[in-house]
Amino acid sequence: MKHGLNRGILVAIEGIDGVGKTTQSIRLVERLKALGFNAVRFFEPTNETPEAQQIRRTLEHSSHKKPSDLVDLFLADRRHDVETHVMPALLEKKIVVMDRYFLSTAAYQSDSRPWQEILEMNREFAPEPDINFIINWPADIAMTLIEKRDNGLTAFENETALINVRGRYLEMAREDSGNYVVVEKIADEEDVCDEILDILLKYLHKNKLVQYDV
């Protein structure tokens, strides 16, 4: 059975580095497709713009680039992503799952500008997620998982930085107007995905967004 939607749905998977955002976004799309939904995943920064390449070079190496410059790079890359991928998929009434979105920029770059300002700048052009899922694992657990990777550490992948970013995520969840779900469960990948999927399905049904037998 295929399930149609009354409109496109936008879901963001957020959290500090090392908590499994990529794994959960991939798994969520797989589970949604298995249930008959038309779902697609995008990630940010993209691999498609000069700004995205500059972001990666800046984070992976020592750089004199100011944090405010990084915000501008993220905004430019996101404009491309929204125009090229996100909005077309939403107009096709798909469930769009984002592996990082504008909440991530606000959490990681608010040393240069207040997170409220960064969110406002993004909301001028980027659609608001129906749900922001914040995977809220402690920084020490995240660092243990990051260190198991064999691809080096970026500028933000140290425990002190992750503690600060985690605090910003939770502050936004408390104070911002968006729809936030903080996922506290520290468990295997399947259990975390079960929780995210269950909350998303309840949201779809509560808001009568699902059409059956399409």
N, C-alpha and C. Protein backbone atom coordinates (compact mmCIF):
# COMPACT_ATOMS: atom_id res chain seq x y z
N MET A 1 0.84 -1.19 0.00
CA MET A 1 0.00 0.00 0.00
C MET A 1 0.88 1.24 0.00
N LYS A 2 0.54 2.20 -0.87
CA LYS A 2 1.24 3.47 -0.90
C LYS A 2 0.42 4.52 -0.17
N HIS A 3 1.13 5.39 0.54
CA HIS A 3 0.47 6.46 1.28
C HIS A 3 0.80 7.80 0.62
N GLY A 4 -0.21 8.57 0.26
CA GLY A 4 0.00 9.91 -0.22
C GLY A 4 -0.14 10.91 0.91
N LEU A 5 0.29 12.12 0.66
CA LEU A 5 0.21 13.18 1.66
C LEU A 5 -0.56 14.35 1.10
N ASN A 6 -1.21 15.09 1.98
CA ASN A 6 -1.93 16.28 1.56
C ASN A 6 -0.98 17.41 1.17
N ARG A 7 0.23 17.36 1.69
CA ARG A 7 1.26 18.34 1.37
C ARG A 7 2.62 17.73 1.68
N GLY A 8 3.66 18.42 1.24
CA GLY A 8 4.99 17.96 1.58
C GLY A 8 5.28 18.12 3.06
N ILE A 9 6.12 17.25 3.60
CA ILE A 9 6.51 17.25 5.01
C ILE A 9 8.02 17.41 5.09
N LEU A 10 8.47 18.31 5.95
CA LEU A 10 9.90 18.55 6.12
C LEU A 10 10.32 18.17 7.54
N VAL A 11 11.30 17.28 7.62
CA VAL A 11 11.79 16.77 8.89
C VAL A 11 13.30 17.01 8.95
N ALA A 12 13.79 17.57 10.04
CA ALA A 12 15.23 17.78 10.20
C ALA A 12 15.75 16.91 11.33
N ILE A 13 16.86 16.23 11.06
CA ILE A 13 17.55 15.44 12.08
C ILE A 13 18.77 16.25 12.52
N GLU A 14 18.79 16.64 13.79
CA GLU A 14 19.80 17.55 14.30
C GLU A 14 20.50 16.95 15.53
N GLY A 15 21.57 17.63 15.94
CA GLY A 15 22.31 17.20 17.12
C GLY A 15 23.80 17.40 16.90
N ILE A 16 24.57 17.28 17.95
CA ILE A 16 26.01 17.48 17.85
C ILE A 16 26.63 16.38 17.00
N ASP A 17 27.86 16.62 16.56
CA ASP A 17 28.58 15.60 15.80
C ASP A 17 28.70 14.33 16.62
N GLY A 18 28.58 13.19 15.93
CA GLY A 18 28.80 11.91 16.57
C GLY A 18 27.55 11.22 17.09
N VAL A 19 26.38 11.87 16.98
CA VAL A 19 25.17 11.25 17.55
C VAL A 19 24.41 10.40 16.54
N GLY A 20 24.88 10.34 15.31
CA GLY A 20 24.25 9.44 14.35
C GLY A 20 23.20 10.08 13.47
N LYS A 21 23.33 11.37 13.17
CA LYS A 21 22.34 12.05 12.34
C LYS A 21 22.24 11.43 10.96
N THR A 22 23.39 11.15 10.35
CA THR A 22 23.38 10.57 9.00
C THR A 22 22.76 9.19 9.02
N THR A 23 23.15 8.38 9.97
CA THR A 23 22.59 7.03 10.09
C THR A 23 21.08 7.10 10.28
N GLN A 24 20.62 7.99 11.14
CA GLN A 24 19.18 8.07 11.43
C GLN A 24 18.40 8.63 10.25
N SER A 25 18.96 9.59 9.54
CA SER A 25 18.25 10.14 8.39
C SER A 25 18.12 9.10 7.28
N ILE A 26 19.16 8.33 7.05
CA ILE A 26 19.11 7.27 6.03
C ILE A 26 18.12 6.19 6.45
N ARG A 27 18.20 5.78 7.70
CA ARG A 27 17.32 4.72 8.20
C ARG A 27 15.86 5.17 8.19
N LEU A 28 15.61 6.43 8.56
CA LEU A 28 14.23 6.93 8.57
C LEU A 28 13.62 6.90 7.19
N VAL A 29 14.36 7.33 6.19
CA VAL A 29 13.85 7.30 4.81
C VAL A 29 13.57 5.87 4.37
N GLU A 30 14.47 4.96 4.71
CA GLU A 30 14.25 3.55 4.36
C GLU A 30 12.97 3.02 5.01
N ARG A 31 12.77 3.35 6.28
CA ARG A 31 11.58 2.86 6.99
C ARG A 31 10.31 3.48 6.42
N LEU A 32 10.36 4.77 6.09
CA LEU A 32 9.19 5.43 5.50
C LEU A 32 8.83 4.83 4.15
N LYS A 33 9.83 4.57 3.34
CA LYS A 33 9.58 3.95 2.03
C LYS A 33 8.98 2.56 2.20
N ALA A 34 9.47 1.82 3.17
CA ALA A 34 8.94 0.48 3.41
C ALA A 34 7.47 0.52 3.83
N LEU A 35 7.06 1.64 4.45
CA LEU A 35 5.66 1.81 4.86
C LEU A 35 4.79 2.37 3.75
N GLY A 36 5.39 2.69 2.61
CA GLY A 36 4.62 3.16 1.47
C GLY A 36 4.63 4.66 1.24
N PHE A 37 5.48 5.38 1.98
CA PHE A 37 5.57 6.83 1.80
C PHE A 37 6.64 7.17 0.76
N ASN A 38 6.42 8.28 0.09
CA ASN A 38 7.41 8.80 -0.85
C ASN A 38 8.33 9.72 -0.07
N ALA A 39 9.52 9.24 0.26
CA ALA A 39 10.43 9.98 1.13
C ALA A 39 11.78 10.13 0.45
N VAL A 40 12.44 11.23 0.77
CA VAL A 40 13.75 11.52 0.18
C VAL A 40 14.62 12.19 1.23
N ARG A 41 15.93 12.01 1.13
CA ARG A 41 16.86 12.56 2.09
C ARG A 41 17.83 13.52 1.39
N PHE A 42 18.10 14.65 2.05
CA PHE A 42 19.15 15.57 1.63
C PHE A 42 20.03 15.89 2.83
N PHE A 43 21.25 16.32 2.56
CA PHE A 43 22.18 16.65 3.64
C PHE A 43 22.84 17.99 3.37
N GLU A 44 23.25 18.63 4.45
CA GLU A 44 23.93 19.92 4.35
C GLU A 44 25.18 19.93 5.23
N PRO A 45 26.24 20.61 4.79
CA PRO A 45 26.34 21.27 3.50
C PRO A 45 26.27 20.28 2.35
N THR A 46 25.87 20.77 1.18
CA THR A 46 25.76 19.90 0.02
C THR A 46 27.15 19.58 -0.52
N ASN A 47 27.19 18.83 -1.59
CA ASN A 47 28.45 18.60 -2.31
C ASN A 47 28.46 19.35 -3.64
N GLU A 48 27.60 20.37 -3.75
CA GLU A 48 27.30 20.90 -5.07
C GLU A 48 27.70 22.35 -5.30
N THR A 49 28.12 23.07 -4.28
CA THR A 49 28.40 24.49 -4.46
C THR A 49 29.83 24.82 -4.04
N PRO A 50 30.39 25.91 -4.59
CA PRO A 50 31.70 26.36 -4.11
C PRO A 50 31.68 26.69 -2.63
N GLU A 51 30.56 27.21 -2.15
CA GLU A 51 30.46 27.56 -0.73
C GLU A 51 30.56 26.31 0.15
N ALA A 52 29.93 25.22 -0.29
CA ALA A 52 30.01 23.97 0.48
C ALA A 52 31.44 23.45 0.55
N GLN A 53 32.16 23.55 -0.56
CA GLN A 53 33.55 23.11 -0.56
C GLN A 53 34.40 23.97 0.37
N GLN A 54 34.10 25.27 0.39
CA GLN A 54 34.85 26.17 1.28
C GLN A 54 34.54 25.88 2.74
N ILE A 55 33.29 25.56 3.04
CA ILE A 55 32.91 25.20 4.41
C ILE A 55 33.74 24.01 4.87
N ARG A 56 33.81 22.99 4.04
CA ARG A 56 34.55 21.78 4.43
C ARG A 56 36.03 22.07 4.61
N ARG A 57 36.60 22.84 3.71
CA ARG A 57 38.02 23.16 3.85
C ARG A 57 38.27 23.94 5.14
N THR A 58 37.37 24.86 5.47
CA THR A 58 37.54 25.67 6.67
C THR A 58 37.44 24.83 7.93
N LEU A 59 36.49 23.90 7.97
CA LEU A 59 36.29 23.08 9.16
C LEU A 59 37.37 22.02 9.33
N GLU A 60 37.93 21.57 8.23
CA GLU A 60 38.90 20.47 8.30
C GLU A 60 40.33 20.95 8.53
N HIS A 61 40.58 22.23 8.32
CA HIS A 61 41.95 22.74 8.43
C HIS A 61 41.93 24.03 9.23
N SER A 62 43.10 24.38 9.75
CA SER A 62 43.23 25.66 10.42
C SER A 62 42.92 26.77 9.42
N SER A 63 42.16 27.74 9.86
CA SER A 63 41.74 28.79 8.95
C SER A 63 41.59 30.10 9.70
N HIS A 64 41.85 31.20 8.98
CA HIS A 64 41.66 32.52 9.57
C HIS A 64 40.30 33.09 9.21
N LYS A 65 39.49 32.29 8.54
CA LYS A 65 38.16 32.77 8.15
C LYS A 65 37.33 33.03 9.40
N LYS A 66 36.66 34.16 9.41
CA LYS A 66 35.85 34.54 10.56
C LYS A 66 34.58 33.69 10.63
N PRO A 67 34.07 33.40 11.84
CA PRO A 67 32.83 32.63 11.95
C PRO A 67 31.68 33.25 11.19
N SER A 68 31.62 34.59 11.13
CA SER A 68 30.53 35.23 10.40
C SER A 68 30.59 34.91 8.92
N ASP A 69 31.80 34.72 8.40
CA ASP A 69 31.94 34.32 6.99
C ASP A 69 31.35 32.94 6.77
N LEU A 70 31.53 32.04 7.76
CA LEU A 70 30.96 30.70 7.64
C LEU A 70 29.44 30.76 7.58
N VAL A 71 28.82 31.62 8.35
CA VAL A 71 27.36 31.76 8.30
C VAL A 71 26.93 32.12 6.89
N ASP A 72 27.63 33.07 6.28
CA ASP A 72 27.28 33.48 4.92
C ASP A 72 27.45 32.33 3.94
N LEU A 73 28.48 31.52 4.12
CA LEU A 73 28.69 30.36 3.25
C LEU A 73 27.56 29.35 3.41
N PHE A 74 27.16 29.08 4.65
CA PHE A 74 26.06 28.15 4.88
C PHE A 74 24.76 28.67 4.26
N LEU A 75 24.50 29.98 4.38
CA LEU A 75 23.29 30.54 3.80
C LEU A 75 23.28 30.39 2.28
N ALA A 76 24.42 30.65 1.65
CA ALA A 76 24.48 30.54 0.20
C ALA A 76 24.27 29.09 -0.26
N ASP A 77 24.92 28.16 0.42
CA ASP A 77 24.75 26.75 0.06
C ASP A 77 23.32 26.29 0.30
N ARG A 78 22.72 26.77 1.39
CA ARG A 78 21.33 26.37 1.70
C ARG A 78 20.35 26.94 0.68
N ARG A 79 20.57 28.14 0.21
CA ARG A 79 19.70 28.69 -0.84
C ARG A 79 19.68 27.76 -2.04
N HIS A 80 20.85 27.29 -2.42
CA HIS A 80 20.92 26.34 -3.54
C HIS A 80 20.16 25.07 -3.22
N ASP A 81 20.34 24.54 -2.03
CA ASP A 81 19.69 23.29 -1.64
C ASP A 81 18.17 23.45 -1.64
N VAL A 82 17.70 24.55 -1.07
CA VAL A 82 16.25 24.79 -1.00
C VAL A 82 15.66 24.91 -2.40
N GLU A 83 16.31 25.70 -3.25
CA GLU A 83 15.77 25.94 -4.59
C GLU A 83 15.86 24.71 -5.48
N THR A 84 16.95 23.94 -5.33
CA THR A 84 17.20 22.83 -6.24
C THR A 84 16.58 21.52 -5.78
N HIS A 85 16.53 21.30 -4.47
CA HIS A 85 16.12 20.00 -3.94
C HIS A 85 14.90 20.07 -3.01
N VAL A 86 14.99 20.89 -1.98
CA VAL A 86 14.00 20.83 -0.91
C VAL A 86 12.62 21.26 -1.39
N MET A 87 12.51 22.46 -1.96
CA MET A 87 11.21 22.95 -2.39
C MET A 87 10.58 22.09 -3.49
N PRO A 88 11.35 21.66 -4.52
CA PRO A 88 10.73 20.78 -5.52
C PRO A 88 10.17 19.50 -4.91
N ALA A 89 10.90 18.91 -3.95
CA ALA A 89 10.41 17.67 -3.31
C ALA A 89 9.16 17.94 -2.48
N LEU A 90 9.11 19.07 -1.78
CA LEU A 90 7.93 19.40 -0.99
C LEU A 90 6.73 19.65 -1.89
N LEU A 91 6.96 20.29 -3.01
CA LEU A 91 5.87 20.54 -3.95
C LEU A 91 5.34 19.24 -4.55
N GLU A 92 6.18 18.21 -4.58
CA GLU A 92 5.75 16.89 -5.04
C GLU A 92 5.13 16.07 -3.91
N LYS A 93 4.90 16.71 -2.77
CA LYS A 93 4.26 16.11 -1.60
C LYS A 93 5.04 14.90 -1.06
N LYS A 94 6.34 15.06 -1.01
CA LYS A 94 7.20 14.03 -0.43
C LYS A 94 7.51 14.36 1.03
N ILE A 95 7.93 13.34 1.76
CA ILE A 95 8.52 13.58 3.08
C ILE A 95 10.01 13.83 2.86
N VAL A 96 10.46 15.02 3.18
CA VAL A 96 11.86 15.40 3.00
C VAL A 96 12.56 15.30 4.35
N VAL A 97 13.58 14.47 4.42
CA VAL A 97 14.35 14.28 5.65
C VAL A 97 15.71 14.94 5.46
N MET A 98 16.00 15.91 6.31
CA MET A 98 17.26 16.65 6.23
C MET A 98 18.26 16.12 7.26
N ASP A 99 19.44 15.80 6.78
CA ASP A 99 20.57 15.48 7.65
C ASP A 99 21.31 16.80 7.88
N ARG A 100 20.95 17.51 8.94
CA ARG A 100 21.35 18.88 9.27
C ARG A 100 20.53 19.85 8.42
N TYR A 101 20.17 20.97 9.05
CA TYR A 101 19.44 22.02 8.34
C TYR A 101 19.78 23.33 9.04
N PHE A 102 18.91 24.32 9.01
CA PHE A 102 19.36 25.63 9.50
C PHE A 102 19.52 25.69 11.01
N LEU A 103 18.90 24.78 11.75
CA LEU A 103 19.12 24.75 13.19
C LEU A 103 20.58 24.46 13.50
N SER A 104 21.19 23.63 12.69
CA SER A 104 22.59 23.28 12.88
C SER A 104 23.49 24.51 12.73
N THR A 105 23.21 25.33 11.71
CA THR A 105 24.00 26.54 11.53
C THR A 105 23.87 27.45 12.75
N ALA A 106 22.66 27.59 13.28
CA ALA A 106 22.46 28.44 14.45
C ALA A 106 23.19 27.89 15.66
N ALA A 107 23.18 26.58 15.84
CA ALA A 107 23.82 25.97 17.01
C ALA A 107 25.34 26.07 16.94
N TYR A 108 25.88 25.87 15.75
CA TYR A 108 27.34 25.81 15.61
C TYR A 108 27.99 27.17 15.37
N GLN A 109 27.24 28.12 14.83
CA GLN A 109 27.86 29.38 14.43
C GLN A 109 27.44 30.57 15.29
N SER A 110 26.79 30.33 16.42
CA SER A 110 26.27 31.45 17.20
C SER A 110 27.33 32.13 18.06
N ASP A 111 28.61 31.77 17.90
CA ASP A 111 29.67 32.58 18.51
C ASP A 111 29.81 33.90 17.77
N SER A 112 29.40 33.91 16.50
CA SER A 112 29.57 35.11 15.69
C SER A 112 28.32 35.98 15.68
N ARG A 113 27.15 35.36 15.74
CA ARG A 113 25.88 36.08 15.74
C ARG A 113 24.92 35.33 16.67
N PRO A 114 23.97 36.02 17.29
CA PRO A 114 23.00 35.32 18.13
C PRO A 114 22.23 34.28 17.32
N TRP A 115 21.92 33.14 17.95
CA TRP A 115 21.21 32.11 17.20
C TRP A 115 19.86 32.59 16.71
N GLN A 116 19.25 33.51 17.46
CA GLN A 116 17.96 34.05 17.02
C GLN A 116 18.10 34.76 15.67
N GLU A 117 19.18 35.48 15.51
CA GLU A 117 19.43 36.20 14.25
C GLU A 117 19.70 35.23 13.11
N ILE A 118 20.47 34.19 13.40
CA ILE A 118 20.77 33.21 12.36
C ILE A 118 19.50 32.49 11.90
N LEU A 119 18.65 32.12 12.86
CA LEU A 119 17.38 31.48 12.48
C LEU A 119 16.52 32.41 11.65
N GLU A 120 16.47 33.68 12.03
CA GLU A 120 15.66 34.64 11.28
C GLU A 120 16.16 34.79 9.85
N MET A 121 17.48 34.82 9.68
CA MET A 121 18.06 34.94 8.34
C MET A 121 17.68 33.75 7.47
N ASN A 122 17.70 32.57 8.05
CA ASN A 122 17.34 31.37 7.30
C ASN A 122 15.86 31.34 6.96
N ARG A 123 15.04 31.75 7.89
CA ARG A 123 13.59 31.69 7.68
C ARG A 123 13.10 32.66 6.61
N GLU A 124 13.94 33.58 6.19
CA GLU A 124 13.57 34.48 5.10
C GLU A 124 13.42 33.73 3.78
N PHE A 125 14.08 32.57 3.65
CA PHE A 125 14.01 31.86 2.37
C PHE A 125 13.85 30.35 2.51
N ALA A 126 14.17 29.80 3.66
CA ALA A 126 14.15 28.34 3.83
C ALA A 126 12.86 27.90 4.52
N PRO A 127 12.18 26.87 4.00
CA PRO A 127 10.94 26.41 4.65
C PRO A 127 11.20 25.87 6.05
N GLU A 128 10.22 26.09 6.91
CA GLU A 128 10.30 25.65 8.31
C GLU A 128 10.04 24.16 8.42
N PRO A 129 10.88 23.43 9.15
CA PRO A 129 10.58 22.01 9.36
C PRO A 129 9.28 21.79 10.12
N ASP A 130 8.56 20.75 9.73
CA ASP A 130 7.40 20.34 10.52
C ASP A 130 7.85 19.86 11.90
N ILE A 131 8.96 19.14 11.93
CA ILE A 131 9.55 18.68 13.19
C ILE A 131 11.07 18.76 13.09
N ASN A 132 11.70 19.33 14.10
CA ASN A 132 13.15 19.24 14.29
C ASN A 132 13.42 18.19 15.35
N PHE A 133 14.02 17.08 14.96
CA PHE A 133 14.43 16.07 15.94
C PHE A 133 15.86 16.37 16.37
N ILE A 134 16.07 16.61 17.67
CA ILE A 134 17.40 16.85 18.22
C ILE A 134 17.82 15.61 18.99
N ILE A 135 18.81 14.90 18.48
CA ILE A 135 19.35 13.73 19.18
C ILE A 135 20.30 14.25 20.26
N ASN A 136 19.91 14.10 21.51
CA ASN A 136 20.57 14.78 22.62
C ASN A 136 21.46 13.82 23.42
N TRP A 137 22.58 13.43 22.83
CA TRP A 137 23.52 12.57 23.54
C TRP A 137 24.59 13.43 24.20
N PRO A 138 25.11 13.01 25.37
CA PRO A 138 26.20 13.75 26.01
C PRO A 138 27.43 13.84 25.11
N ALA A 139 28.20 14.90 25.30
CA ALA A 139 29.36 15.14 24.45
C ALA A 139 30.42 14.04 24.56
N ASP A 140 30.58 13.46 25.75
CA ASP A 140 31.62 12.44 25.89
C ASP A 140 31.28 11.19 25.10
N ILE A 141 30.00 10.83 25.05
CA ILE A 141 29.58 9.68 24.25
C ILE A 141 29.78 9.98 22.77
N ALA A 142 29.40 11.19 22.36
CA ALA A 142 29.57 11.58 20.96
C ALA A 142 31.05 11.55 20.57
N MET A 143 31.93 12.04 21.44
CA MET A 143 33.36 12.06 21.13
C MET A 143 33.92 10.65 20.99
N THR A 144 33.45 9.73 21.81
CA THR A 144 33.90 8.34 21.70
C THR A 144 33.58 7.78 20.32
N LEU A 145 32.40 8.09 19.81
CA LEU A 145 32.00 7.61 18.49
C LEU A 145 32.76 8.33 17.39
N ILE A 146 32.99 9.63 17.56
CA ILE A 146 33.74 10.39 16.56
C ILE A 146 35.15 9.84 16.43
N GLU A 147 35.78 9.53 17.55
CA GLU A 147 37.17 9.07 17.54
C GLU A 147 37.32 7.70 16.90
N LYS A 148 36.24 6.97 16.77
CA LYS A 148 36.29 5.67 16.09
C LYS A 148 36.36 5.81 14.58
N ARG A 149 35.99 7.00 14.09
CA ARG A 149 36.12 7.25 12.66
C ARG A 149 37.58 7.41 12.33
N ASP A 150 37.94 7.06 11.13
CA ASP A 150 39.34 7.18 10.72
C ASP A 150 39.48 8.26 9.65
N ASN A 151 38.88 9.43 9.91
CA ASN A 151 38.93 10.48 8.89
C ASN A 151 39.31 11.84 9.48
N GLY A 152 39.94 11.83 10.66
CA GLY A 152 40.38 13.08 11.25
C GLY A 152 39.25 13.84 11.92
N LEU A 153 39.62 14.88 12.67
CA LEU A 153 38.64 15.67 13.41
C LEU A 153 38.49 17.04 12.79
N THR A 154 37.27 17.56 12.79
CA THR A 154 37.04 18.92 12.31
C THR A 154 37.19 19.89 13.47
N ALA A 155 37.03 21.18 13.15
CA ALA A 155 37.26 22.22 14.15
C ALA A 155 36.34 22.11 15.36
N PHE A 156 35.15 21.56 15.18
CA PHE A 156 34.18 21.50 16.27
C PHE A 156 34.20 20.15 17.00
N GLU A 157 35.02 19.22 16.54
CA GLU A 157 34.96 17.89 17.12
C GLU A 157 35.93 17.76 18.29
N ASN A 158 35.64 18.48 19.35
CA ASN A 158 36.30 18.31 20.63
C ASN A 158 35.22 18.46 21.70
N GLU A 159 35.46 17.90 22.86
CA GLU A 159 34.39 17.78 23.84
C GLU A 159 33.89 19.13 24.33
N THR A 160 34.78 20.09 24.52
CA THR A 160 34.35 21.40 24.99
C THR A 160 33.41 22.07 23.99
N ALA A 161 33.80 22.02 22.71
CA ALA A 161 32.95 22.62 21.67
C ALA A 161 31.60 21.93 21.60
N LEU A 162 31.60 20.61 21.70
CA LEU A 162 30.34 19.87 21.60
C LEU A 162 29.43 20.15 22.79
N ILE A 163 30.00 20.33 23.97
CA ILE A 163 29.19 20.68 25.15
C ILE A 163 28.47 22.02 24.91
N ASN A 164 29.21 22.98 24.36
CA ASN A 164 28.62 24.30 24.08
C ASN A 164 27.51 24.21 23.03
N VAL A 165 27.78 23.47 21.97
CA VAL A 165 26.79 23.35 20.89
C VAL A 165 25.56 22.61 21.39
N ARG A 166 25.77 21.57 22.17
CA ARG A 166 24.62 20.84 22.73
C ARG A 166 23.74 21.77 23.56
N GLY A 167 24.37 22.63 24.34
CA GLY A 167 23.62 23.58 25.14
C GLY A 167 22.80 24.53 24.29
N ARG A 168 23.34 24.94 23.16
CA ARG A 168 22.60 25.83 22.26
C ARG A 168 21.40 25.12 21.66
N TYR A 169 21.59 23.89 21.26
CA TYR A 169 20.45 23.12 20.73
C TYR A 169 19.31 23.08 21.74
N LEU A 170 19.64 22.79 22.99
CA LEU A 170 18.61 22.68 24.02
C LEU A 170 17.99 24.03 24.33
N GLU A 171 18.78 25.08 24.27
CA GLU A 171 18.25 26.43 24.49
C GLU A 171 17.24 26.78 23.40
N MET A 172 17.57 26.46 22.16
CA MET A 172 16.64 26.74 21.07
C MET A 172 15.37 25.92 21.21
N ALA A 173 15.51 24.68 21.62
CA ALA A 173 14.32 23.83 21.81
C ALA A 173 13.40 24.40 22.87
N ARG A 174 13.97 25.05 23.89
CA ARG A 174 13.17 25.65 24.96
C ARG A 174 12.54 26.97 24.54
N GLU A 175 13.28 27.78 23.79
CA GLU A 175 12.91 29.18 23.62
C GLU A 175 12.41 29.56 22.23
N ASP A 176 12.74 28.78 21.22
CA ASP A 176 12.35 29.16 19.86
C ASP A 176 10.94 28.69 19.55
N SER A 177 10.37 29.26 18.49
CA SER A 177 8.98 28.97 18.13
C SER A 177 8.80 27.71 17.29
N GLY A 178 9.90 27.12 16.82
CA GLY A 178 9.79 25.93 15.98
C GLY A 178 9.28 24.73 16.75
N ASN A 179 8.97 23.67 16.00
CA ASN A 179 8.48 22.42 16.61
C ASN A 179 9.67 21.50 16.85
N TYR A 180 10.03 21.31 18.10
CA TYR A 180 11.21 20.54 18.47
C TYR A 180 10.84 19.29 19.26
N VAL A 181 11.52 18.21 18.93
CA VAL A 181 11.42 16.97 19.71
C VAL A 181 12.84 16.59 20.11
N VAL A 182 13.12 16.56 21.39
CA VAL A 182 14.44 16.18 21.89
C VAL A 182 14.44 14.69 22.16
N VAL A 183 15.29 13.97 21.45
CA VAL A 183 15.38 12.52 21.57
C VAL A 183 16.47 12.20 22.58
N GLU A 184 16.07 11.74 23.75
CA GLU A 184 17.02 11.49 24.84
C GLU A 184 17.56 10.06 24.84
N LYS A 185 16.90 9.19 24.11
CA LYS A 185 17.24 7.77 24.18
C LYS A 185 18.66 7.51 23.68
N ILE A 186 19.46 6.89 24.52
CA ILE A 186 20.81 6.45 24.13
C ILE A 186 20.72 4.94 23.97
N ALA A 187 20.59 4.51 22.74
CA ALA A 187 20.31 3.10 22.47
C ALA A 187 20.88 2.75 21.11
N ASP A 188 20.60 1.54 20.64
CA ASP A 188 21.10 1.17 19.32
C ASP A 188 20.34 1.94 18.25
N GLU A 189 20.88 1.90 17.04
CA GLU A 189 20.34 2.71 15.94
C GLU A 189 18.88 2.42 15.67
N GLU A 190 18.50 1.16 15.74
CA GLU A 190 17.13 0.78 15.43
C GLU A 190 16.15 1.34 16.45
N ASP A 191 16.50 1.31 17.72
CA ASP A 191 15.61 1.83 18.76
C ASP A 191 15.42 3.34 18.63
N VAL A 192 16.50 4.06 18.32
CA VAL A 192 16.39 5.51 18.14
C VAL A 192 15.50 5.82 16.94
N CYS A 193 15.69 5.08 15.85
CA CYS A 193 14.85 5.29 14.67
C CYS A 193 13.39 4.96 14.96
N ASP A 194 13.15 3.92 15.75
CA ASP A 194 11.77 3.57 16.13
C ASP A 194 11.09 4.76 16.80
N GLU A 195 11.80 5.43 17.71
CA GLU A 195 11.22 6.56 18.42
C GLU A 195 10.92 7.72 17.47
N ILE A 196 11.88 8.03 16.59
CA ILE A 196 11.69 9.12 15.64
C ILE A 196 10.53 8.81 14.70
N LEU A 197 10.49 7.60 14.17
CA LEU A 197 9.43 7.21 13.25
C LEU A 197 8.07 7.26 13.93
N ASP A 198 7.98 6.77 15.15
CA ASP A 198 6.70 6.76 15.86
C ASP A 198 6.17 8.18 16.06
N ILE A 199 7.04 9.09 16.44
CA ILE A 199 6.63 10.48 16.66
C ILE A 199 6.19 11.12 15.34
N LEU A 200 6.92 10.85 14.27
CA LEU A 200 6.57 11.41 12.97
C LEU A 200 5.22 10.88 12.48
N LEU A 201 4.99 9.58 12.60
CA LEU A 201 3.72 9.01 12.16
C LEU A 201 2.55 9.57 12.97
N LYS A 202 2.75 9.74 14.26
CA LYS A 202 1.69 10.34 15.09
C LYS A 202 1.40 11.77 14.65
N TYR A 203 2.43 12.50 14.28
CA TYR A 203 2.25 13.87 13.79
C TYR A 203 1.43 13.87 12.50
N LEU A 204 1.75 12.97 11.59
CA LEU A 204 1.03 12.91 10.32
C LEU A 204 -0.45 12.58 10.53
N HIS A 205 -0.71 11.63 11.40
CA HIS A 205 -2.10 11.22 11.63
C HIS A 205 -2.87 12.26 12.44
N LYS A 206 -2.22 12.85 13.44
CA LYS A 206 -2.89 13.87 14.25
C LYS A 206 -3.33 15.05 13.40
N ASN A 207 -2.50 15.41 12.42
CA ASN A 207 -2.80 16.55 11.57
C ASN A 207 -3.52 16.17 10.28
N LYS A 208 -3.92 14.88 10.20
CA LYS A 208 -4.72 14.38 9.06
C LYS A 208 -4.04 14.69 7.73
N LEU A 209 -2.76 14.34 7.65
CA LEU A 209 -1.96 14.64 6.47
C LEU A 209 -1.79 13.45 5.53
N VAL A 210 -2.28 12.28 5.94
CA VAL A 210 -2.06 11.06 5.17
C VAL A 210 -3.29 10.71 4.35
N GLN A 211 -3.07 10.32 3.09
CA GLN A 211 -4.11 9.78 2.23
C GLN A 211 -3.76 8.32 1.96
N TYR A 212 -4.70 7.43 2.17
CA TYR A 212 -4.42 5.99 2.01
C TYR A 212 -4.84 5.50 0.61
N ASP A 213 -4.30 4.34 0.26
CA ASP A 213 -4.65 3.66 -0.99
C ASP A 213 -4.44 4.55 -2.20
N VAL A 214 -3.30 5.21 -2.23
CA VAL A 214 -3.00 6.05 -3.38
C VAL A 214 -2.46 5.19 -4.51
